[in-house]
């Protein structure tokens, strides 16, 4: 069994199955990373518990929301991906800070309070930046992106609440027991020792211009493929080939009949009282049919004007002179292509098997162009073009029309929040610019791997997709912009904390980097594992989003946060904290 309903059903079923499989794969790997990062099993288990709770609670809330809003099955994938990622990331930051406060000699309760005041504040700021991205998706015109926005909002808010209420309370109860078993800490101590990061921070502090040059060149090279991006429906792998409907589609393609599954549908509605089989309108339908059939991308045009191939306009008029007799001989055909009152008729434009899904979108645009230029004999009729390819043309047009608004909303609100949080003008501008660079570089990698097909077989692709689904850049931008801002907030919060104590920008940057680098890289590795697992899913749409998110987080946690951000902060010096810090204080810093 195949056809669009069956294909759509299999895509959604396989997508839900992939979510469960990805969870089962990624959780053990995540636990290993956390054990290495903490050197303790109990401490490592806490972020995993929070991540699972965040997913469970958020999916429960999504179930309630689905009673009032249509929800795409892809909300399961995104909620799981983001829930595990942010739930574990936020918890990792909280647990790490709690252990630091315990090591400073505070009691478990006091350490928990101090953790909420410092790391808790960073988690709330980070969470709000992620929420902004998902909120922007809620206003998009496509139900898939809207439902992903709702699911993302719910899971991030849940993760923030758990990380700032449930987790600190649990830490206060556990106290030093989070370090159990102690025998595990000794062999793993060297993996999370800060000495290596301290050396890196000092190297950056002495060579910031070199670091900016090397990091900038790398980002530019990775972004270059983005200039070749082609938005549309992918040519291969859009429907899972191992599904029953996918196998049926392959069989039909081998027979030369796959185009009949997703025709471009042209509906002609005549004014009240007129008939499509009348002598006035039938020549117009014949002219439209012949015009569309001339395109080499068209295999066949089905409709009342092509019921018998090769008929002239005169022969058609004679054939339909007794409409009731024609209907009696061709009941199913006439019922499919003509309304009972004969005022509305349908034309199916069936593409050739050589035409890809992206090519079908181009063909839909061509059909609309033919209709827009006008057809003799159809003046006064309403002619609309629909079908799978045409609906994707409309979706793409509407999403791209609103994309600048989405980008502006996310950038503006994020920059304003960072300005309020750090009382600095340069910090939000730098954060927004560098985030855009990391997102652009991740899009470049996505184009290289999927659209162009380089190393695509590693992800199970049959060949280059030749196009990127328009929803992917919008989803990746909205999601990853907030997620990558997490690391910016984690780093800057610690740098600002040291700067407020010492008034020395270079010292604060080096100490902030060495103190947070291990946490940021561990958190990023977990995010990459979570998103990267979905890059191997069987549904291409999920693969594209998973790969884009994983690539963006990888670039953000390495080139951006560990190289460009601290290097630029060293170069900017006192201007990092203007106007939040008064000039006299900045002058004392310089003299020191």
Protein backbone atom coordinates (compact mmCIF):
# COMPACT_ATOMS: atom_id res chain seq x y z
CA UNK A 1 0.00 0.00 0.00
CA UNK A 2 1.36 3.40 -1.00
CA UNK A 3 0.14 6.84 -1.95
CA UNK A 4 0.39 10.11 -0.07
CA UNK A 5 -1.78 9.16 2.96
CA UNK A 6 0.21 5.94 3.42
CA UNK A 7 3.55 7.75 2.94
CA UNK A 8 2.55 10.43 5.43
CA UNK A 9 1.40 7.80 7.93
CA UNK A 10 4.69 5.88 7.65
CA UNK A 11 6.76 9.06 8.05
CA UNK A 12 4.95 9.89 11.29
CA UNK A 13 5.03 6.32 12.63
CA UNK A 14 8.75 5.90 11.92
CA UNK A 15 9.47 9.34 13.37
CA UNK A 16 7.81 8.35 16.67
CA UNK A 17 9.72 5.04 16.71
CA UNK A 18 13.01 6.84 16.07
CA UNK A 19 12.39 9.06 19.09
CA UNK A 20 12.21 6.02 21.39
CA UNK A 21 15.25 4.42 19.78
CA UNK A 22 17.29 7.62 20.07
CA UNK A 23 16.47 7.95 23.76
CA UNK A 24 17.61 4.38 24.39
CA UNK A 25 20.89 5.01 22.54
CA UNK A 26 21.80 8.42 23.91
CA UNK A 27 21.10 7.99 27.64
CA UNK A 28 23.93 5.47 28.32
CA UNK A 29 26.40 7.63 26.34
CA UNK A 30 25.27 10.74 28.20
CA UNK A 31 25.72 9.00 31.55
CA UNK A 32 29.29 8.03 30.60
CA UNK A 33 30.12 11.65 29.75
CA UNK A 34 28.64 12.86 33.04
CA UNK A 35 30.50 10.22 35.07
CA UNK A 36 33.77 11.31 33.45
CA UNK A 37 32.94 14.99 34.01
CA UNK A 38 31.96 14.58 37.69
CA UNK A 39 34.03 11.57 38.70
CA UNK A 40 31.01 10.37 40.70
CA UNK A 41 28.03 8.22 39.79
CA UNK A 42 25.48 9.95 42.05
CA UNK A 43 26.33 13.42 40.71
CA UNK A 44 26.18 12.09 37.16
CA UNK A 45 22.73 10.56 37.67
CA UNK A 46 21.10 13.81 38.79
CA UNK A 47 21.19 15.64 35.40
CA UNK A 48 19.88 12.51 33.65
CA UNK A 49 16.97 12.34 36.13
CA UNK A 50 16.15 16.02 35.56
CA UNK A 51 16.34 15.58 31.76
CA UNK A 52 13.96 12.61 31.82
CA UNK A 53 11.58 14.42 34.16
CA UNK A 54 11.59 17.47 31.90
CA UNK A 55 10.68 15.34 28.86
CA UNK A 56 7.96 13.41 30.72
CA UNK A 57 6.29 16.50 32.20
CA UNK A 58 6.56 18.46 28.95
CA UNK A 59 5.01 15.66 26.88
CA UNK A 60 2.18 15.51 29.40
CA UNK A 61 1.62 19.24 28.89
CA UNK A 62 1.84 18.78 25.11
CA UNK A 63 -0.90 16.14 25.37
CA UNK A 64 -3.13 18.70 27.09
CA UNK A 65 -2.23 21.39 24.54
CA UNK A 66 -3.07 18.96 21.70
CA UNK A 67 -6.72 19.11 22.75
CA UNK A 68 -6.81 22.74 21.67
CA UNK A 69 -4.08 22.98 18.99
CA UNK A 70 -3.07 20.64 16.16
CA UNK A 71 0.24 18.97 17.05
CA UNK A 72 2.72 17.54 14.55
CA UNK A 73 4.35 14.19 15.36
CA UNK A 74 7.69 16.00 15.02
CA UNK A 75 6.98 17.65 18.37
CA UNK A 76 7.96 14.30 19.93
CA UNK A 77 11.42 14.46 18.32
CA UNK A 78 12.05 18.10 19.17
CA UNK A 79 10.73 17.83 22.73
CA UNK A 80 12.94 14.81 23.37
CA UNK A 81 16.01 16.38 21.77
CA UNK A 82 15.69 19.73 23.48
CA UNK A 83 14.42 18.31 26.79
CA UNK A 84 17.39 16.00 27.19
CA UNK A 85 19.81 18.68 26.01
CA UNK A 86 18.72 21.62 28.15
CA UNK A 87 17.60 19.50 31.11
CA UNK A 88 21.03 17.90 31.40
CA UNK A 89 22.92 21.11 30.53
CA UNK A 90 21.19 23.22 33.17
CA UNK A 91 21.54 20.48 35.76
CA UNK A 92 25.21 20.07 34.91
CA UNK A 93 25.79 23.75 35.63
CA UNK A 94 23.85 23.61 38.91
CA UNK A 95 25.57 20.45 40.19
CA UNK A 96 29.02 21.75 39.20
CA UNK A 97 28.49 25.02 41.07
CA UNK A 98 27.06 23.21 44.09
CA UNK A 99 30.21 21.07 44.36
CA UNK A 100 32.39 24.17 44.09
CA UNK A 101 30.52 25.80 46.97
CA UNK A 102 30.81 22.63 49.07
CA UNK A 103 34.56 22.60 48.41
CA UNK A 104 34.73 26.16 49.70
CA UNK A 105 33.48 24.89 53.07
CA UNK A 106 29.78 25.85 52.91
CA UNK A 107 27.14 23.58 54.40
CA UNK A 108 24.87 21.73 51.93
CA UNK A 109 21.96 24.14 52.53
CA UNK A 110 24.14 27.25 52.21
CA UNK A 111 25.82 25.79 49.14
CA UNK A 112 22.41 25.20 47.56
CA UNK A 113 21.36 28.80 48.32
CA UNK A 114 24.59 30.17 46.84
CA UNK A 115 24.15 27.94 43.78
CA UNK A 116 20.68 29.35 43.12
CA UNK A 117 21.98 32.92 43.49
CA UNK A 118 24.78 32.36 40.93
CA UNK A 119 24.25 29.39 38.62
CA UNK A 120 20.47 29.56 39.08
CA UNK A 121 20.46 33.11 37.77
CA UNK A 122 22.49 32.01 34.73
CA UNK A 123 20.08 29.13 34.08
CA UNK A 124 17.05 31.45 34.17
CA UNK A 125 18.72 33.94 31.79
CA UNK A 126 19.76 31.12 29.46
CA UNK A 127 16.31 29.54 29.60
CA UNK A 128 14.60 32.78 28.65
CA UNK A 129 16.87 33.16 25.59
CA UNK A 130 15.88 29.64 24.44
CA UNK A 131 12.21 30.38 25.12
CA UNK A 132 12.42 33.48 22.89
CA UNK A 133 13.44 31.31 19.92
CA UNK A 134 10.60 28.86 20.46
CA UNK A 135 8.12 31.69 21.01
CA UNK A 136 9.06 33.05 17.58
CA UNK A 137 8.09 29.67 16.06
CA UNK A 138 4.61 29.89 17.59
CA UNK A 139 3.82 32.81 15.24
CA UNK A 140 4.83 30.97 12.06
CA UNK A 141 2.05 29.95 9.60
CA UNK A 142 2.86 26.21 9.47
CA UNK A 143 1.29 23.84 12.02
CA UNK A 144 4.51 21.75 12.16
CA UNK A 145 6.63 24.72 13.23
CA UNK A 146 3.93 26.11 15.53
CA UNK A 147 3.58 22.82 17.38
CA UNK A 148 7.37 22.53 17.69
CA UNK A 149 7.38 26.04 19.17
CA UNK A 150 4.75 25.06 21.74
CA UNK A 151 6.58 21.83 22.64
CA UNK A 152 9.92 23.64 22.92
CA UNK A 153 8.44 26.36 25.13
CA UNK A 154 6.96 23.80 27.50
CA UNK A 155 10.04 21.60 27.77
CA UNK A 156 12.48 24.50 28.31
CA UNK A 157 10.28 26.13 30.96
CA UNK A 158 9.94 22.74 32.68
CA UNK A 159 13.71 22.17 32.58
CA UNK A 160 14.41 25.63 34.06
CA UNK A 161 11.88 25.09 36.86
CA UNK A 162 13.31 21.67 37.71
CA UNK A 163 16.90 22.93 37.63
CA UNK A 164 16.16 25.88 39.93
CA UNK A 165 13.74 24.25 42.40
CA UNK A 166 13.71 20.46 42.50
CA UNK A 167 17.44 19.97 41.86
CA UNK A 168 18.83 22.45 44.46
CA UNK A 169 16.47 20.98 47.06
CA UNK A 170 17.67 17.48 46.21
CA UNK A 171 21.31 18.63 46.40
CA UNK A 172 20.73 20.20 49.83
CA UNK A 173 19.42 16.83 51.04
CA UNK A 174 22.21 14.75 49.48
CA UNK A 175 25.08 17.03 50.46
CA UNK A 176 28.45 15.27 50.16
CA UNK A 177 26.74 12.06 49.11
CA UNK A 178 26.72 13.34 45.53
CA UNK A 179 30.45 12.43 45.38
CA UNK A 180 29.79 8.72 45.90
CA UNK A 181 31.41 6.35 45.11
CA UNK A 182 34.63 8.11 46.06
CA UNK A 183 36.89 5.44 44.55
CA UNK A 184 35.69 6.57 41.10
CA UNK A 185 36.90 10.14 41.52
CA UNK A 186 40.63 9.41 41.68
CA UNK A 187 41.17 7.74 38.27
CA UNK A 188 38.89 10.31 36.57
CA UNK A 189 40.35 13.41 38.23
CA UNK A 190 42.73 14.18 35.37
CA UNK A 191 39.88 14.35 32.85
CA UNK A 192 38.26 17.36 34.51
CA UNK A 193 41.34 19.04 35.99
CA UNK A 194 41.40 22.76 35.11
CA UNK A 195 45.16 22.98 34.45
CA UNK A 196 44.86 22.40 30.71
CA UNK A 197 42.17 25.03 30.37
CA UNK A 198 44.22 27.46 32.45
CA UNK A 199 47.12 27.11 29.99
CA UNK A 200 44.73 27.65 27.07
CA UNK A 201 43.26 30.75 28.76
CA UNK A 202 46.75 32.22 29.27
CA UNK A 203 47.69 31.51 25.63
CA UNK A 204 44.57 33.31 24.43
CA UNK A 205 45.25 36.22 26.77
CA UNK A 206 48.67 36.76 25.20
CA UNK A 207 47.68 36.12 21.55
CA UNK A 208 44.08 37.34 21.12
CA UNK A 209 44.52 38.76 17.60
CA UNK A 210 45.99 35.50 16.34
CA UNK A 211 43.09 33.56 17.88
CA UNK A 212 40.51 35.90 16.24
CA UNK A 213 42.22 35.55 12.85
CA UNK A 214 42.40 31.73 12.95
CA UNK A 215 38.88 31.32 14.35
CA UNK A 216 37.41 33.84 11.92
CA UNK A 217 38.97 32.17 8.87
CA UNK A 218 37.65 28.77 9.99
CA UNK A 219 34.11 30.11 10.45
CA UNK A 220 34.16 31.89 7.07
CA UNK A 221 35.33 28.74 5.25
CA UNK A 222 32.58 26.66 6.87
CA UNK A 223 29.95 29.28 6.02
CA UNK A 224 30.87 29.53 2.31
CA UNK A 225 28.72 26.53 1.17
CA UNK A 226 25.68 28.40 2.53
CA UNK A 227 25.87 30.67 -0.54
CA UNK A 228 24.87 27.65 -2.66
CA UNK A 229 21.84 26.62 -0.59
CA UNK A 230 18.74 25.61 -2.55
CA UNK A 231 15.51 25.59 -0.60
CA UNK A 232 12.82 23.11 -1.56
CA UNK A 233 11.76 19.49 -1.22
CA UNK A 234 14.75 17.10 -1.29
CA UNK A 235 15.27 14.88 -4.33
CA UNK A 236 16.09 11.73 -2.34
CA UNK A 237 15.31 10.12 1.02
CA UNK A 238 12.26 12.28 1.72
CA UNK A 239 10.13 9.19 2.27
CA UNK A 240 11.79 6.36 4.29
CA UNK A 241 12.76 3.76 1.64
CA UNK A 242 12.46 0.82 4.06
CA UNK A 243 8.79 1.54 4.86
CA UNK A 244 6.01 -0.32 3.04
CA UNK A 245 4.79 2.85 1.34
CA UNK A 246 8.38 3.74 0.38
CA UNK A 247 8.88 0.32 -1.20
CA UNK A 248 5.58 0.73 -3.06
CA UNK A 249 6.74 4.12 -4.34
CA UNK A 250 10.03 2.56 -5.56
CA UNK A 251 8.07 -0.17 -7.37
CA UNK A 252 5.83 2.39 -9.05
CA UNK A 253 8.90 4.39 -10.08
CA UNK A 254 10.37 1.29 -11.67
CA UNK A 255 7.07 0.87 -13.56
CA UNK A 256 7.14 4.52 -14.66
CA UNK A 257 3.98 5.36 -12.71
CA UNK A 258 5.13 7.07 -9.50
CA UNK A 259 4.06 10.53 -10.67
CA UNK A 260 0.39 9.60 -10.24
CA UNK A 261 0.82 9.53 -6.45
CA UNK A 262 1.38 13.28 -6.07
CA UNK A 263 -0.11 15.14 -9.04
CA UNK A 264 -0.39 18.89 -9.27
CA UNK A 265 -4.11 19.52 -9.00
CA UNK A 266 -5.78 22.32 -10.95
CA UNK A 267 -9.36 23.15 -9.93
CA UNK A 268 -11.47 25.20 -12.34
CA UNK A 269 -14.63 26.74 -10.88
CA UNK A 270 -17.01 28.34 -13.37
CA UNK A 271 -19.58 31.04 -12.63
CA UNK A 272 -23.01 29.99 -11.38
CA UNK A 273 -25.14 28.25 -14.00
CA UNK A 274 -22.32 27.35 -16.40
CA UNK A 275 -21.13 23.85 -17.37
CA UNK A 276 -17.57 22.66 -17.96
CA UNK A 277 -18.88 20.46 -20.77
CA UNK A 278 -20.63 23.30 -22.58
CA UNK A 279 -19.51 24.58 -25.94
CA UNK A 280 -18.21 27.82 -24.39
CA UNK A 281 -15.95 26.34 -21.69
CA UNK A 282 -14.83 22.98 -23.08
CA UNK A 283 -12.42 24.61 -25.63
CA UNK A 284 -10.82 26.52 -22.75
CA UNK A 285 -10.28 23.32 -20.76
CA UNK A 286 -8.84 21.68 -23.89
CA UNK A 287 -6.46 24.63 -24.42
CA UNK A 288 -5.31 24.54 -20.78
CA UNK A 289 -4.78 20.77 -20.94
CA UNK A 290 -2.75 20.98 -24.17
CA UNK A 291 -0.67 23.90 -22.85
CA UNK A 292 0.28 22.00 -19.70
CA UNK A 293 1.00 18.74 -21.55
CA UNK A 294 3.61 20.48 -23.76
CA UNK A 295 6.01 20.81 -20.80
CA UNK A 296 8.60 17.97 -20.94
CA UNK A 297 8.32 17.58 -17.16
CA UNK A 298 4.66 16.54 -17.53
CA UNK A 299 3.87 12.88 -18.13
CA UNK A 300 0.12 13.25 -18.50
CA UNK A 301 -2.79 15.62 -17.83
CA UNK A 302 -6.01 13.96 -16.72
CA UNK A 303 -9.35 15.68 -16.88
CA UNK A 304 -12.57 15.89 -18.83
CA UNK A 305 -10.72 17.39 -21.81
CA UNK A 306 -8.37 14.38 -22.02
CA UNK A 307 -10.86 11.56 -21.43
CA UNK A 308 -10.01 10.19 -24.89
CA UNK A 309 -6.42 10.89 -26.03
CA UNK A 310 -5.97 12.62 -29.36
CA UNK A 311 -9.45 14.14 -29.60
CA UNK A 312 -9.77 17.56 -31.21
CA UNK A 313 -11.91 20.31 -29.69
CA UNK A 314 -14.69 19.53 -32.18
CA UNK A 315 -14.56 15.80 -31.40
CA UNK A 316 -14.75 16.57 -27.66
CA UNK A 317 -17.82 18.76 -28.20
CA UNK A 318 -19.53 15.94 -30.12
CA UNK A 319 -18.45 13.36 -27.51
CA UNK A 320 -19.95 15.41 -24.65
CA UNK A 321 -23.13 16.31 -26.55
CA UNK A 322 -24.93 13.78 -24.33
CA UNK A 323 -23.29 14.27 -20.88
CA UNK A 324 -25.51 11.74 -19.15
CA UNK A 325 -24.49 8.99 -21.56
CA UNK A 326 -20.81 9.84 -21.07
CA UNK A 327 -21.24 9.70 -17.28
CA UNK A 328 -22.99 6.31 -17.53
CA UNK A 329 -20.03 4.88 -19.49
CA UNK A 330 -17.30 6.48 -17.27
CA UNK A 331 -18.89 6.77 -13.82
CA UNK A 332 -15.71 6.69 -11.71
CA UNK A 333 -13.75 8.99 -14.01
CA UNK A 334 -16.47 11.62 -14.29
CA UNK A 335 -17.19 11.50 -10.55
CA UNK A 336 -13.48 12.07 -9.87
CA UNK A 337 -13.02 15.00 -12.26
CA UNK A 338 -16.39 16.75 -12.50
CA UNK A 339 -18.86 17.99 -9.88
CA UNK A 340 -22.48 16.84 -9.99
CA UNK A 341 -23.63 20.25 -11.28
CA UNK A 342 -20.75 20.27 -13.87
CA UNK A 343 -19.63 23.71 -12.67
CA UNK A 344 -16.38 22.60 -11.02
CA UNK A 345 -13.81 20.38 -12.74
CA UNK A 346 -10.40 19.01 -11.80
CA UNK A 347 -7.23 18.56 -13.86
CA UNK A 348 -4.47 16.28 -12.57
CA UNK A 349 -1.04 17.27 -13.89
CA UNK A 350 1.04 14.11 -13.42
CA UNK A 351 4.79 14.76 -13.47
CA UNK A 352 7.27 12.53 -15.25
CA UNK A 353 9.16 10.01 -13.11
CA UNK A 354 12.40 11.89 -13.79
CA UNK A 355 11.08 14.96 -11.96
CA UNK A 356 12.26 15.25 -8.35
CA UNK A 357 10.20 16.73 -5.52
CA UNK A 358 12.09 20.02 -5.94
CA UNK A 359 11.38 19.81 -9.68
CA UNK A 360 7.69 19.28 -8.90
CA UNK A 361 7.72 22.57 -6.97
CA UNK A 362 9.18 24.29 -10.06
CA UNK A 363 6.50 22.62 -12.17
CA UNK A 364 3.78 23.86 -9.79
CA UNK A 365 5.13 27.40 -10.23
CA UNK A 366 5.05 26.91 -14.01
CA UNK A 367 1.42 25.72 -13.92
CA UNK A 368 0.48 28.77 -11.87
CA UNK A 369 2.28 30.94 -14.39
CA UNK A 370 0.26 29.45 -17.24
CA UNK A 371 -2.97 30.05 -15.31
CA UNK A 372 -1.95 33.60 -14.36
CA UNK A 373 -1.33 34.56 -18.00
CA UNK A 374 -4.91 33.61 -18.77
CA UNK A 375 -6.41 30.87 -20.93
CA UNK A 376 -8.77 31.63 -23.82
CA UNK A 377 -12.17 30.22 -23.04
CA UNK A 378 -11.75 30.36 -19.25
CA UNK A 379 -12.26 34.10 -18.71
CA UNK A 380 -14.27 34.73 -15.56
CA UNK A 381 -13.49 31.27 -14.14
CA UNK A 382 -11.63 30.84 -10.84
CA UNK A 383 -8.59 28.59 -11.38
CA UNK A 384 -6.53 27.47 -8.37
CA UNK A 385 -3.49 25.15 -8.23
CA UNK A 386 -3.00 22.76 -5.32
CA UNK A 387 -1.48 19.38 -4.43
CA UNK A 388 1.59 18.35 -2.40
CA UNK A 389 4.16 20.29 -4.44
CA UNK A 390 2.01 23.43 -4.70
CA UNK A 391 1.27 23.43 -0.98
CA UNK A 392 5.03 23.29 -0.30
CA UNK A 393 5.53 26.24 -2.65
CA UNK A 394 2.98 28.21 -0.58
CA UNK A 395 4.52 27.08 2.71
CA UNK A 396 8.02 28.03 1.55
CA UNK A 397 6.87 31.44 0.33
CA UNK A 398 5.05 32.23 3.57
CA UNK A 399 7.86 31.00 5.85
CA UNK A 400 10.50 32.95 3.93
CA UNK A 401 8.28 36.04 3.98
CA UNK A 402 8.11 35.88 7.76
CA UNK A 403 11.68 34.67 8.34
CA UNK A 404 13.16 38.20 8.63
CA UNK A 405 10.54 38.99 11.29
CA UNK A 406 11.45 35.81 13.20
CA UNK A 407 15.16 36.62 13.01
CA UNK A 408 14.61 40.23 14.07
CA UNK A 409 12.42 39.20 17.01
CA UNK A 410 14.93 36.63 18.28
CA UNK A 411 17.96 38.89 17.84
CA UNK A 412 16.30 41.96 19.33
CA UNK A 413 14.87 40.31 22.44
CA UNK A 414 18.05 38.29 23.08
CA UNK A 415 20.25 41.38 22.80
CA UNK A 416 17.95 43.35 25.12
CA UNK A 417 17.98 40.58 27.74
CA UNK A 418 21.77 40.32 27.70
CA UNK A 419 22.05 44.10 28.00
CA UNK A 420 19.83 44.02 31.09
CA UNK A 421 21.64 41.02 32.59
CA UNK A 422 25.21 42.32 32.12
CA UNK A 423 24.62 46.10 31.84
CA UNK A 424 26.86 46.16 28.78
CA UNK A 425 26.40 47.27 25.18
CA UNK A 426 29.26 45.30 23.63
CA UNK A 427 28.39 41.96 25.26
CA UNK A 428 24.96 41.54 23.59
CA UNK A 429 26.19 42.85 20.22
CA UNK A 430 29.14 40.44 20.26
CA UNK A 431 26.96 37.54 21.41
CA UNK A 432 24.35 38.10 18.69
CA UNK A 433 26.96 38.48 15.93
CA UNK A 434 28.95 35.40 16.94
CA UNK A 435 25.79 33.34 17.34
CA UNK A 436 24.79 34.27 13.81
CA UNK A 437 28.23 33.15 12.62
CA UNK A 438 27.93 29.75 14.30
CA UNK A 439 24.42 29.23 12.89
CA UNK A 440 25.61 30.25 9.41
CA UNK A 441 28.55 27.84 9.59
CA UNK A 442 26.23 25.00 10.68
CA UNK A 443 23.97 25.73 7.68
CA UNK A 444 27.07 25.62 5.47
CA UNK A 445 27.95 22.16 6.79
CA UNK A 446 24.36 21.01 6.29
CA UNK A 447 24.47 22.14 2.65
CA UNK A 448 27.82 20.39 2.16
CA UNK A 449 26.73 17.05 3.67
CA UNK A 450 23.07 16.80 2.63
CA UNK A 451 22.49 19.01 -0.41
CA UNK A 452 25.85 18.27 -2.04
CA UNK A 453 26.16 14.73 -0.65
CA UNK A 454 29.69 14.88 0.79
CA UNK A 455 29.92 12.09 3.40
CA UNK A 456 26.15 11.73 3.08
CA UNK A 457 26.36 7.92 3.09
CA UNK A 458 27.50 8.08 6.72
CA UNK A 459 23.95 9.24 7.48
CA UNK A 460 22.28 6.63 5.26
CA UNK A 461 21.58 8.94 2.31
CA UNK A 462 21.08 7.37 -1.12
CA UNK A 463 22.60 10.45 -2.73
CA UNK A 464 22.64 14.27 -2.57
CA UNK A 465 19.28 15.70 -1.54
CA UNK A 466 19.85 18.60 -3.99
CA UNK A 467 17.72 20.86 -1.78
CA UNK A 468 17.16 21.69 1.89
CA UNK A 469 13.61 21.70 3.25
CA UNK A 470 12.74 25.32 4.02
CA UNK A 471 11.49 24.48 7.52
CA UNK A 472 14.97 23.26 8.58
CA UNK A 473 16.86 26.62 8.57
CA UNK A 474 13.98 28.28 10.42
CA UNK A 475 13.77 25.56 13.08
CA UNK A 476 17.54 25.31 13.50
CA UNK A 477 17.96 29.08 13.80
CA UNK A 478 15.16 29.50 16.33
CA UNK A 479 16.27 26.53 18.45
CA UNK A 480 20.04 26.75 18.30
CA UNK A 481 20.27 30.52 18.74
CA UNK A 482 18.91 30.18 22.25
CA UNK A 483 20.72 26.93 23.04
CA UNK A 484 24.12 28.25 22.00
CA UNK A 485 23.46 31.39 24.02
CA UNK A 486 23.49 29.12 27.08
CA UNK A 487 27.25 28.79 26.81
CA UNK A 488 27.65 32.54 26.35
CA UNK A 489 25.67 33.16 29.53
CA UNK A 490 27.56 30.46 31.47
CA UNK A 491 30.91 31.95 30.46
CA UNK A 492 30.01 35.62 30.86
CA UNK A 493 28.31 35.10 34.23
CA UNK A 494 31.56 33.72 35.70
CA UNK A 495 33.70 36.37 33.98
CA UNK A 496 31.46 39.16 35.28
CA UNK A 497 31.49 37.64 38.76
CA UNK A 498 35.31 37.74 38.87
CA UNK A 499 35.43 41.18 37.24
CA UNK A 500 33.07 42.63 39.87
CA UNK A 501 35.45 41.39 42.58
CA UNK A 502 38.77 42.41 41.00
CA UNK A 503 37.99 45.09 38.39
CA UNK A 504 40.56 43.44 36.09
CA UNK A 505 39.14 42.41 32.70
CA UNK A 506 42.04 40.23 31.50
CA UNK A 507 42.24 38.35 34.79
CA UNK A 508 38.45 37.89 34.87
CA UNK A 509 38.38 36.59 31.28
CA UNK A 510 41.15 34.06 31.90
CA UNK A 511 39.70 32.87 35.20
CA UNK A 512 36.15 32.73 33.85
CA UNK A 513 37.27 30.70 30.83
CA UNK A 514 39.35 28.22 32.84
CA UNK A 515 36.55 27.79 35.43
CA UNK A 516 33.73 27.15 32.93
CA UNK A 517 35.52 25.52 29.98
CA UNK A 518 35.20 22.00 31.37
CA UNK A 519 31.49 22.47 32.11
CA UNK A 520 30.79 24.05 28.71
CA UNK A 521 32.62 21.33 26.76
CA UNK A 522 30.92 18.56 28.77
CA UNK A 523 27.51 20.17 28.26
CA UNK A 524 28.21 20.67 24.56
CA UNK A 525 29.35 17.06 24.16
CA UNK A 526 26.06 15.91 25.67
CA UNK A 527 24.09 18.19 23.34
CA UNK A 528 26.05 16.87 20.35
CA UNK A 529 25.35 13.28 21.41
CA UNK A 530 21.63 14.01 21.79
CA UNK A 531 21.24 15.92 18.52
CA UNK A 532 23.75 13.77 16.63
CA UNK A 533 21.75 10.63 17.42
CA UNK A 534 18.76 12.15 15.62
CA UNK A 535 21.01 12.90 12.62
CA UNK A 536 20.92 9.12 11.99
CA UNK A 537 17.11 8.91 12.09
CA UNK A 538 15.17 7.33 9.21
CA UNK A 539 13.12 10.46 8.45
CA UNK A 540 15.10 13.05 6.47
CA UNK A 541 13.37 16.06 8.06
CA UNK A 542 14.49 14.87 11.52
CA UNK A 543 17.99 14.10 10.20
CA UNK A 544 18.37 17.62 8.81
CA UNK A 545 17.31 19.25 12.09
CA UNK A 546 19.41 16.90 14.24
CA UNK A 547 22.54 17.41 12.12
CA UNK A 548 22.08 21.18 11.97
CA UNK A 549 21.68 21.46 15.73
CA UNK A 550 24.63 19.15 16.46
CA UNK A 551 26.90 21.04 14.05
CA UNK A 552 25.88 24.41 15.48
CA UNK A 553 26.53 23.32 19.07
CA UNK A 554 29.91 21.81 18.11
CA UNK A 555 31.05 24.99 16.41
CA UNK A 556 29.64 27.19 19.15
CA UNK A 557 31.33 25.34 22.02
CA UNK A 558 34.70 25.18 20.27
CA UNK A 559 35.45 28.01 17.84
CA UNK A 560 33.02 30.54 19.30
CA UNK A 561 33.04 30.17 23.11
CA UNK A 562 36.54 28.73 23.59
CA UNK A 563 38.35 30.90 21.02
CA UNK A 564 36.56 33.95 19.60
CA UNK A 565 34.57 35.13 22.63
CA UNK A 566 37.48 35.23 25.15
CA UNK A 567 39.89 36.58 22.50
CA UNK A 568 37.54 39.45 21.62
CA UNK A 569 36.99 40.16 25.33
CA UNK A 570 40.75 40.48 25.80
CA UNK A 571 40.98 42.86 22.85
CA UNK A 572 37.98 44.96 23.93
CA UNK A 573 39.34 45.39 27.45
CA UNK A 574 37.41 47.98 29.46
CA UNK A 575 34.80 48.44 26.72
CA UNK A 576 33.34 45.00 27.50
CA UNK A 577 31.47 46.41 30.48
CA UNK A 578 30.51 49.87 29.20
CA UNK A 579 28.26 51.59 30.24
CA UNK A 580 27.55 49.39 33.28
CA UNK A 581 30.92 50.15 34.85
CA UNK A 582 31.86 53.78 35.52
CA UNK A 583 34.91 55.32 33.92
CA UNK A 584 36.90 55.78 37.17
CA UNK A 585 36.69 52.07 37.89
CA UNK A 586 37.80 51.25 34.34
CA UNK A 587 40.73 53.63 34.65
CA UNK A 588 41.81 51.93 37.91
CA UNK A 589 41.64 48.62 36.09
CA UNK A 590 43.93 49.89 33.33
CA UNK A 591 46.42 51.33 35.79
CA UNK A 592 46.47 48.02 37.64
